[in-house]
Amino acid sequence: MITKEDIDRINFLAKKSKDAGLTEEEKAEQQRLRRKYIDWVKSQVKAQLDTIEITDSQPDCGCEGHEHKHKHGHGCNCHKN
């Protein structure tokens, strides 16, 4: 999990890197925090994708008498039972 402190530290190290440069220890810390952040983002995206359920885009609506190439609301009232 990424904390606010992690984000703050990532941002601090990025700014310091531009302004004054980083020590070897800070560079290693920056890489470790960036990797932690990227892994966290990937896990969040995967969790969201895992919850997606693909459904039939035109489920059986029970209407008859015409081809099923419509989006209900076309005026025949077959979808209002």
Protein backbone atom coordinates (compact mmCIF):
# COMPACT_ATOMS: atom_id res chain seq x y z
CA MET A 1 0.00 0.00 0.00
CA ILE A 2 1.17 3.49 -0.78
CA THR A 3 0.83 6.03 2.00
CA LYS A 4 0.67 9.80 1.82
CA GLU A 5 4.15 9.82 3.33
CA ASP A 6 5.41 7.64 0.46
CA ILE A 7 3.94 10.04 -2.10
CA ASP A 8 5.36 13.04 -0.26
CA ARG A 9 8.79 11.40 -0.17
CA ILE A 10 8.64 10.51 -3.88
CA ASN A 11 7.80 14.12 -4.69
CA PHE A 12 10.50 15.46 -2.37
CA LEU A 13 13.15 13.23 -3.94
CA ALA A 14 12.03 14.21 -7.46
CA LYS A 15 12.31 17.91 -6.62
CA LYS A 16 15.65 17.45 -4.87
CA SER A 17 16.93 15.46 -7.84
CA LYS A 18 16.18 18.40 -10.14
CA ASP A 19 17.46 21.06 -7.75
CA ALA A 20 20.58 19.66 -6.10
CA GLY A 21 20.96 16.05 -7.09
CA LEU A 22 20.61 12.92 -4.98
CA THR A 23 23.06 10.84 -3.02
CA GLU A 24 23.44 7.20 -4.00
CA GLU A 25 21.30 6.24 -1.01
CA GLU A 26 18.58 8.66 -2.06
CA LYS A 27 18.69 7.38 -5.63
CA ALA A 28 18.20 3.84 -4.34
CA GLU A 29 15.34 4.99 -2.10
CA GLN A 30 13.75 6.84 -5.01
CA GLN A 31 13.89 3.74 -7.21
CA ARG A 32 12.47 1.58 -4.42
CA LEU A 33 9.59 4.01 -3.80
CA ARG A 34 8.85 4.36 -7.51
CA ARG A 35 8.73 0.58 -7.90
CA LYS A 36 6.43 0.33 -4.87
CA TYR A 37 4.14 2.98 -6.38
CA ILE A 38 4.04 1.32 -9.81
CA ASP A 39 3.30 -2.08 -8.27
CA TRP A 40 0.51 -0.54 -6.19
CA VAL A 41 -1.06 1.14 -9.25
CA LYS A 42 -0.90 -2.14 -11.17
CA SER A 43 -2.59 -3.99 -8.32
CA GLN A 44 -5.37 -1.38 -8.21
CA VAL A 45 -5.96 -1.63 -11.96
CA LYS A 46 -5.97 -5.43 -11.80
CA ALA A 47 -8.45 -5.38 -8.91
CA GLN A 48 -10.77 -3.15 -10.94
CA LEU A 49 -10.46 -5.31 -14.04
CA ASP A 50 -11.14 -8.43 -12.00
CA THR A 51 -14.51 -7.01 -10.95
CA ILE A 52 -15.69 -6.37 -14.51
CA GLU A 53 -18.38 -8.73 -15.69
CA ILE A 54 -19.03 -8.98 -19.41
CA THR A 55 -22.70 -9.38 -20.20
CA ASP A 56 -24.71 -9.94 -23.35
CA SER A 57 -25.22 -6.56 -24.98
CA GLN A 58 -28.72 -7.54 -26.15
CA PRO A 59 -30.28 -9.85 -23.59
CA ASP A 60 -33.55 -11.58 -24.36
CA CYS A 61 -36.17 -8.93 -23.67
CA GLY A 62 -39.17 -11.12 -24.37
CA CYS A 63 -40.42 -9.06 -27.29
CA GLU A 64 -41.38 -10.75 -30.54
CA GLY A 65 -42.39 -9.84 -34.05
CA HIS A 66 -39.36 -7.90 -35.22
CA GLU A 67 -35.64 -8.29 -35.71
CA HIS A 68 -33.66 -7.64 -32.59
CA LYS A 69 -31.48 -4.85 -33.94
CA HIS A 70 -33.06 -2.13 -31.88
CA LYS A 71 -32.28 -0.32 -28.72
CA HIS A 72 -35.40 -0.48 -26.61
CA GLY A 73 -37.29 2.73 -26.68
CA HIS A 74 -38.01 2.64 -30.40
CA GLY A 75 -41.74 3.08 -30.00
CA CYS A 76 -43.25 -0.41 -30.17
CA ASN A 77 -43.64 -0.58 -26.36
CA CYS A 78 -42.58 -4.23 -26.40
CA HIS A 79 -40.22 -3.54 -23.53
CA LYS A 80 -42.86 -2.09 -21.22
CA ASN A 81 -44.64 -4.94 -19.49
